Amino acid sequence: MKCEFCGNEFSNKTNLNSHQKTAKYCLELRNVEVKLYSCGHCKKGFTKIFHLQRHQEMCKTFETNTLLNLKSIENENIELKNEHIIYKKEIENIRLVYEKKLCLKDRIIKKIRIEFDKKMSDKDIIISEQKTRIKELQEEYKNKLEKQNKDLTDRIQSMAEKAIAKPSTVNQNNINQIINNMMPITDAHLQEHIQNLNPLHVQNGASGYAKYALEYPLKDMIVCTDFQRRSCKYKDENGNVISDPEMTKITKRLFSAIKERNEELINEYSAELQAKWRAINVSGNSDMDQGESDAFSTQTNDALEFIMDVLSQKRQASEMADGMRPDLFYGFVRELAAGCYK
């Protein structure tokens, strides 16, 4: 059934009559004065007393919950306020700790700056000392090279004079007489003189090795019979006379005997040269002007090349112990032949 005033539909007459008597919006459409029962909590109006009573039960519960909620919010606010106070204290403590750390940092930076300034001052002194030391090493190295070159030149000139003054071969009778008076060259004899090989022999290269041989293991025990061909004679372990064209056999025996001692001395000499070279390069040549830098580079390159020559000498001496003929071999036999030429 449909209400003729507001148009709402209902399932039966009873519901329709109840609607027309109690529905506020329907009564207002008919301009019928409505008696309302107001809620004491929220002031909301109702047309029936039981509707008001039902509403008041709910409204009172809502009000109670609202009060509880307000109380809970108030408690939360108090807790938040207390937490805020705690956080504020913690922040203040952190700020104090941070300020102490900043103060400590400033003191450390100041101390480091003072130490750094002192080290920079010491660095300038060290650089100055290193420059002086570099010049001393350069001069020492230059003098040493000049002395070695002079000694070698004098020796070559002396050998050349001897070679010119004497014939390339000697009287066979004299040779036989000299050989008869010579002692045999044994391996034990060669081993006995190994310790006489010293760093100076090694540093002088071919002439140094020849000087060692002529002064120690081969002294008065070998004779050169033909200087131009580097031919020599000596006695072996059994007293047999050995003819050694180009001195290949005696050279192999000699360098086989001194191989370990020679490598030991060369390694020591090479390490010493490399230490000096590193000391020069580490000294800090960045403060040099262009002229000093160029001179420094030239000297260090020369020193490095000299080190490589020493290491090459070690290799060649080892090859001679195996019977090979590197460049060192020819210089050595020339010096040896000149020294034992009668």
Protein backbone atom coordinates (compact mmCIF):
# COMPACT_ATOMS: atom_id res chain seq x y z
CA MET A 1 0.00 0.00 0.00
CA LYS A 2 1.20 3.49 -0.87
CA CYS A 3 1.13 6.56 1.40
CA GLU A 4 -0.89 9.29 -0.27
CA PHE A 5 1.24 12.05 1.34
CA CYS A 6 4.86 11.02 0.93
CA GLY A 7 4.56 8.23 -1.64
CA ASN A 8 6.25 5.48 0.42
CA GLU A 9 4.85 1.97 -0.02
CA PHE A 10 4.06 -0.55 2.74
CA SER A 11 3.11 -4.20 2.81
CA ASN A 12 -0.09 -3.81 4.86
CA LYS A 13 -2.56 -1.32 6.25
CA THR A 14 -1.20 -1.55 9.80
CA ASN A 15 2.26 -0.45 8.76
CA LEU A 16 0.83 2.36 6.63
CA ASN A 17 -1.31 3.70 9.54
CA SER A 18 1.67 3.52 11.91
CA HIS A 19 3.76 5.40 9.37
CA GLN A 20 1.20 8.18 8.88
CA LYS A 21 0.89 8.68 12.65
CA THR A 22 4.58 8.64 13.62
CA ALA A 23 6.82 9.47 10.63
CA LYS A 24 8.11 13.04 11.15
CA TYR A 25 8.76 13.82 7.51
CA CYS A 26 5.28 12.56 6.52
CA LEU A 27 3.61 14.61 9.31
CA GLU A 28 5.59 17.73 8.29
CA LEU A 29 4.37 17.32 4.69
CA ARG A 30 0.80 17.48 6.06
CA ASN A 31 1.65 20.43 8.34
CA VAL A 32 0.57 18.36 11.33
CA GLU A 33 2.12 19.53 14.65
CA VAL A 34 4.51 16.83 15.83
CA LYS A 35 5.07 16.15 19.51
CA LEU A 36 8.72 15.20 19.92
CA TYR A 37 10.47 13.49 22.79
CA SER A 38 14.01 14.94 22.99
CA CYS A 39 17.15 13.04 24.05
CA GLY A 40 18.79 14.62 27.08
CA HIS A 41 22.23 13.68 25.82
CA CYS A 42 22.22 14.69 22.16
CA LYS A 43 18.90 16.71 21.95
CA LYS A 44 17.64 14.56 19.12
CA GLY A 45 13.76 14.36 18.85
CA PHE A 46 11.52 11.30 18.49
CA THR A 47 7.74 10.94 17.98
CA LYS A 48 7.44 7.88 20.19
CA ILE A 49 8.62 7.47 23.72
CA PHE A 50 9.94 3.95 23.20
CA HIS A 51 12.03 5.20 20.25
CA LEU A 52 13.50 7.81 22.58
CA GLN A 53 14.18 5.22 25.26
CA ARG A 54 15.89 2.89 22.83
CA HIS A 55 17.94 5.77 21.50
CA GLN A 56 18.94 6.98 24.98
CA GLU A 57 20.39 3.58 25.82
CA MET A 58 22.58 3.75 22.78
CA CYS A 59 23.35 7.45 23.21
CA LYS A 60 24.37 6.99 26.85
CA THR A 61 26.70 4.17 25.88
CA PHE A 62 28.13 6.38 23.15
CA GLU A 63 28.61 9.22 25.61
CA THR A 64 30.34 6.86 28.05
CA ASN A 65 32.58 5.59 25.28
CA THR A 66 33.24 9.13 24.21
CA LEU A 67 34.27 10.09 27.73
CA LEU A 68 36.46 7.02 27.94
CA ASN A 69 37.97 7.89 24.59
CA LEU A 70 38.58 11.45 25.72
CA LYS A 71 40.17 10.15 28.91
CA SER A 72 42.31 7.75 26.90
CA ILE A 73 43.35 10.56 24.57
CA GLU A 74 44.19 12.72 27.56
CA ASN A 75 46.32 9.90 29.03
CA GLU A 76 48.03 9.44 25.68
CA ASN A 77 48.71 13.15 25.56
CA ILE A 78 50.27 12.97 29.03
CA GLU A 79 52.41 10.01 27.94
CA LEU A 80 53.43 11.83 24.77
CA LYS A 81 54.31 14.87 26.85
CA ASN A 82 56.42 12.75 29.17
CA GLU A 83 58.10 11.05 26.20
CA HIS A 84 58.72 14.48 24.71
CA ILE A 85 60.45 15.55 27.91
CA ILE A 86 62.55 12.38 27.87
CA TYR A 87 63.44 12.82 24.20
CA LYS A 88 64.29 16.43 24.84
CA LYS A 89 66.68 15.40 27.61
CA GLU A 90 68.21 12.71 25.38
CA ILE A 91 68.63 15.22 22.57
CA GLU A 92 70.30 17.62 24.99
CA ASN A 93 72.66 14.86 26.14
CA ILE A 94 73.45 13.96 22.53
CA ARG A 95 74.10 17.63 21.78
CA LEU A 96 76.51 17.87 24.71
CA VAL A 97 78.32 14.69 23.63
CA TYR A 98 78.50 15.97 20.06
CA GLU A 99 79.89 19.30 21.21
CA LYS A 100 82.55 17.49 23.24
CA LYS A 101 83.47 15.41 20.19
CA LEU A 102 83.66 18.53 18.03
CA CYS A 103 85.91 20.16 20.60
CA LEU A 104 88.10 17.03 20.67
CA LYS A 105 88.14 16.98 16.86
CA ASP A 106 89.31 20.60 16.78
CA ARG A 107 92.13 19.78 19.20
CA ILE A 108 93.17 16.74 17.14
CA ILE A 109 93.11 18.76 13.90
CA LYS A 110 95.20 21.45 15.53
CA LYS A 111 97.70 18.86 16.75
CA ILE A 112 97.85 17.17 13.32
CA ARG A 113 98.35 20.54 11.64
CA ILE A 114 101.26 21.34 13.95
CA GLU A 115 102.82 17.91 13.29
CA PHE A 116 102.24 18.30 9.56
CA ASP A 117 103.90 21.71 9.49
CA LYS A 118 106.85 20.24 11.38
CA LYS A 119 107.11 17.31 8.96
CA MET A 120 106.94 19.65 5.97
CA SER A 121 109.79 21.61 7.49
CA ASP A 122 111.73 18.37 8.08
CA LYS A 123 110.90 17.29 4.52
CA ASP A 124 112.57 20.36 3.08
CA ILE A 125 115.67 19.62 5.14
CA ILE A 126 115.65 15.96 4.05
CA ILE A 127 115.22 16.92 0.38
CA SER A 128 118.14 19.30 0.65
CA GLU A 129 120.27 16.58 2.26
CA GLN A 130 119.18 14.05 -0.38
CA LYS A 131 120.11 16.44 -3.19
CA THR A 132 123.54 16.83 -1.66
CA ARG A 133 123.83 13.05 -1.28
CA ILE A 134 122.73 12.54 -4.88
CA LYS A 135 125.45 14.87 -6.11
CA GLU A 136 127.99 13.01 -3.97
CA LEU A 137 126.85 9.63 -5.35
CA GLN A 138 126.92 10.97 -8.89
CA GLU A 139 130.44 12.29 -8.40
CA GLU A 140 131.53 9.04 -6.74
CA TYR A 141 130.02 7.00 -9.56
CA LYS A 142 131.60 9.25 -12.18
CA ASN A 143 135.04 9.01 -10.56
CA LYS A 144 134.73 5.24 -10.26
CA LEU A 145 133.82 4.87 -13.93
CA GLU A 146 136.66 7.18 -14.95
CA LYS A 147 139.13 5.16 -12.85
CA GLN A 148 137.90 1.86 -14.30
CA ASN A 149 138.08 3.24 -17.84
CA LYS A 150 141.58 4.59 -17.21
CA ASP A 151 142.78 1.29 -15.73
CA LEU A 152 141.31 -0.62 -18.63
CA THR A 153 142.80 1.78 -21.17
CA ASP A 154 146.22 1.58 -19.54
CA ARG A 155 146.08 -2.20 -19.45
CA ILE A 156 145.02 -2.48 -23.09
CA GLN A 157 147.77 -0.05 -24.08
CA SER A 158 150.30 -2.06 -22.07
CA MET A 159 149.17 -5.29 -23.72
CA ALA A 160 149.34 -3.67 -27.11
CA GLU A 161 152.88 -2.49 -26.43
CA LYS A 162 153.88 -5.96 -25.28
CA ALA A 163 152.29 -7.54 -28.32
CA ILE A 164 154.11 -5.14 -30.64
CA ALA A 165 157.45 -5.60 -28.86
CA LYS A 166 157.28 -9.42 -28.94
CA PRO A 167 156.79 -11.82 -31.80
CA SER A 168 153.47 -13.68 -32.03
CA THR A 169 155.21 -16.98 -31.30
CA VAL A 170 158.16 -17.82 -29.07
CA ASN A 171 161.09 -20.18 -29.27
CA GLN A 172 159.90 -23.74 -28.81
CA ASN A 173 162.88 -24.67 -26.61
CA ASN A 174 162.07 -21.83 -24.21
CA ILE A 175 158.42 -22.90 -24.16
CA ASN A 176 159.32 -26.50 -23.37
CA GLN A 177 161.64 -25.40 -20.59
CA ILE A 178 158.93 -23.20 -19.05
CA ILE A 179 156.31 -25.94 -19.31
CA ASN A 180 158.59 -28.53 -17.70
CA ASN A 181 158.96 -26.26 -14.68
CA MET A 182 155.18 -25.70 -14.32
CA MET A 183 152.96 -27.53 -11.84
CA PRO A 184 149.84 -29.39 -13.05
CA ILE A 185 146.51 -27.55 -12.89
CA THR A 186 144.13 -29.73 -10.88
CA ASP A 187 140.51 -29.18 -9.98
CA ALA A 188 141.51 -29.18 -6.31
CA HIS A 189 144.03 -26.41 -7.01
CA LEU A 190 141.37 -24.33 -8.75
CA GLN A 191 139.03 -24.83 -5.78
CA GLU A 192 141.69 -23.76 -3.28
CA HIS A 193 141.82 -20.23 -4.68
CA ILE A 194 138.08 -19.54 -5.03
CA GLN A 195 137.98 -17.39 -1.88
CA ASN A 196 140.63 -15.11 -3.41
CA LEU A 197 138.05 -13.94 -5.94
CA ASN A 198 136.92 -10.59 -4.50
CA PRO A 199 134.33 -7.91 -5.43
CA LEU A 200 136.96 -5.78 -7.18
CA HIS A 201 137.72 -8.62 -9.61
CA VAL A 202 134.03 -8.91 -10.43
CA GLN A 203 133.54 -5.16 -10.79
CA ASN A 204 136.41 -4.90 -13.30
CA GLY A 205 134.82 -7.50 -15.59
CA ALA A 206 137.05 -9.36 -18.07
CA SER A 207 140.26 -7.69 -16.88
CA GLY A 208 139.32 -8.42 -13.26
CA TYR A 209 138.77 -12.13 -13.92
CA ALA A 210 142.06 -12.31 -15.84
CA LYS A 211 143.89 -10.58 -13.00
CA TYR A 212 142.43 -13.09 -10.51
CA ALA A 213 143.48 -16.04 -12.71
CA LEU A 214 147.03 -14.78 -13.23
CA GLU A 215 147.60 -13.85 -9.56
CA TYR A 216 146.08 -16.97 -7.98
CA PRO A 217 145.00 -20.29 -9.61
CA LEU A 218 146.96 -19.96 -12.90
CA LYS A 219 150.02 -18.12 -11.61
CA ASP A 220 153.16 -19.61 -13.27
CA MET A 221 151.03 -22.58 -14.40
CA ILE A 222 150.10 -21.55 -17.94
CA VAL A 223 151.98 -20.03 -20.89
CA CYS A 224 150.68 -18.34 -24.02
CA THR A 225 152.51 -19.71 -27.08
CA ASP A 226 150.76 -17.56 -29.71
CA PHE A 227 149.28 -14.25 -28.60
CA GLN A 228 147.45 -13.50 -31.84
CA ARG A 229 145.68 -16.88 -31.83
CA ARG A 230 145.32 -16.90 -28.03
CA SER A 231 146.92 -20.34 -27.96
CA CYS A 232 148.31 -21.61 -24.64
CA LYS A 233 149.82 -24.69 -22.97
CA TYR A 234 149.67 -26.10 -19.42
CA LYS A 235 149.79 -29.41 -17.58
CA ASP A 236 146.69 -31.40 -16.59
CA GLU A 237 146.12 -33.47 -13.41
CA ASN A 238 148.28 -36.31 -14.79
CA GLY A 239 151.17 -34.02 -15.75
CA ASN A 240 150.39 -34.23 -19.47
CA VAL A 241 151.03 -31.09 -21.50
CA ILE A 242 147.74 -29.73 -22.89
CA SER A 243 147.62 -27.50 -25.98
CA ASP A 244 144.60 -25.23 -25.71
CA PRO A 245 143.90 -23.25 -28.90
CA GLU A 246 141.91 -20.08 -28.08
CA MET A 247 142.07 -21.00 -24.34
CA THR A 248 138.57 -22.54 -24.42
CA LYS A 249 139.36 -25.52 -22.17
CA ILE A 250 141.12 -23.63 -19.38
CA THR A 251 138.47 -20.88 -19.49
CA LYS A 252 135.68 -23.43 -19.02
CA ARG A 253 137.53 -25.11 -16.11
CA LEU A 254 138.28 -21.80 -14.41
CA PHE A 255 134.74 -20.38 -14.65
CA SER A 256 133.19 -23.72 -13.63
CA ALA A 257 135.28 -23.57 -10.46
CA ILE A 258 134.37 -19.96 -9.58
CA LYS A 259 130.71 -20.12 -10.77
CA GLU A 260 129.01 -20.14 -7.37
CA ARG A 261 131.42 -17.65 -5.78
CA ASN A 262 131.12 -15.37 -8.82
CA GLU A 263 127.29 -15.40 -8.74
CA GLU A 264 127.34 -14.64 -5.02
CA LEU A 265 129.62 -11.60 -5.50
CA ILE A 266 127.66 -10.33 -8.50
CA ASN A 267 124.36 -10.63 -6.59
CA GLU A 268 125.83 -8.62 -3.70
CA TYR A 269 127.25 -6.00 -6.05
CA SER A 270 123.97 -5.77 -7.99
CA ALA A 271 121.95 -5.40 -4.77
CA GLU A 272 124.28 -2.61 -3.63
CA LEU A 273 123.91 -0.76 -6.94
CA GLN A 274 120.13 -1.19 -6.96
CA ALA A 275 119.88 0.12 -3.38
CA LYS A 276 121.82 3.24 -4.37
CA TRP A 277 119.69 3.67 -7.47
CA ARG A 278 116.45 3.37 -5.46
CA ALA A 279 117.76 5.79 -2.81
CA ILE A 280 118.44 8.37 -5.52
CA ASN A 281 114.99 7.95 -7.08
CA VAL A 282 113.10 7.96 -3.77
CA SER A 283 114.78 11.17 -2.63
CA GLY A 284 112.11 13.30 -4.27
CA ASN A 285 113.42 14.99 -7.40
CA SER A 286 110.10 16.79 -7.97
CA ASP A 287 111.54 20.00 -6.46
CA MET A 288 114.41 20.14 -8.96
CA ASP A 289 114.43 22.67 -11.75
CA GLN A 290 114.45 21.48 -15.36
CA GLY A 291 118.24 21.42 -15.68
CA GLU A 292 118.72 19.46 -12.45
CA SER A 293 115.92 17.09 -13.42
CA ASP A 294 117.50 16.35 -16.83
CA ALA A 295 120.92 15.76 -15.27
CA PHE A 296 119.34 13.56 -12.59
CA SER A 297 117.49 11.49 -15.22
CA THR A 298 120.69 11.03 -17.23
CA GLN A 299 122.64 9.86 -14.17
CA THR A 300 119.93 7.46 -12.99
CA ASN A 301 119.58 6.03 -16.51
CA ASP A 302 123.34 5.50 -16.65
CA ALA A 303 123.25 3.83 -13.25
CA LEU A 304 120.39 1.55 -14.32
CA GLU A 305 122.24 0.65 -17.51
CA PHE A 306 125.34 -0.20 -15.43
CA ILE A 307 123.23 -2.49 -13.23
CA MET A 308 121.93 -4.27 -16.33
CA ASP A 309 125.51 -4.70 -17.55
CA VAL A 310 126.47 -6.32 -14.24
CA LEU A 311 123.55 -8.76 -14.49
CA SER A 312 124.57 -9.49 -18.10
CA GLN A 313 128.08 -10.24 -16.84
CA LYS A 314 126.63 -12.81 -14.44
CA ARG A 315 124.83 -14.54 -17.32
CA GLN A 316 127.88 -14.51 -19.59
CA ALA A 317 130.16 -15.91 -16.85
CA SER A 318 127.69 -18.77 -16.38
CA GLU A 319 127.71 -19.42 -20.14
CA MET A 320 131.53 -19.54 -20.12
CA ALA A 321 131.36 -22.21 -17.40
CA ASP A 322 129.29 -24.23 -19.90
CA GLY A 323 131.89 -23.80 -22.66
CA MET A 324 130.08 -21.02 -24.56
CA ARG A 325 131.70 -17.88 -25.99
CA PRO A 326 129.81 -14.68 -25.12
CA ASP A 327 131.41 -11.22 -25.44
CA LEU A 328 132.99 -11.55 -21.98
CA PHE A 329 134.93 -14.62 -23.17
CA TYR A 330 136.90 -12.70 -25.81
CA GLY A 331 137.85 -9.91 -23.44
CA PHE A 332 138.94 -12.42 -20.79
CA VAL A 333 141.14 -14.57 -23.07
CA ARG A 334 142.76 -11.45 -24.55
CA GLU A 335 143.71 -10.27 -21.04
CA LEU A 336 144.78 -13.77 -19.96
CA ALA A 337 146.91 -14.30 -23.07
CA ALA A 338 148.62 -10.94 -22.54
CA GLY A 339 149.34 -11.79 -18.92
CA CYS A 340 150.87 -15.24 -19.54
CA TYR A 341 152.70 -14.40 -22.77
CA LYS A 342 156.41 -15.12 -22.31
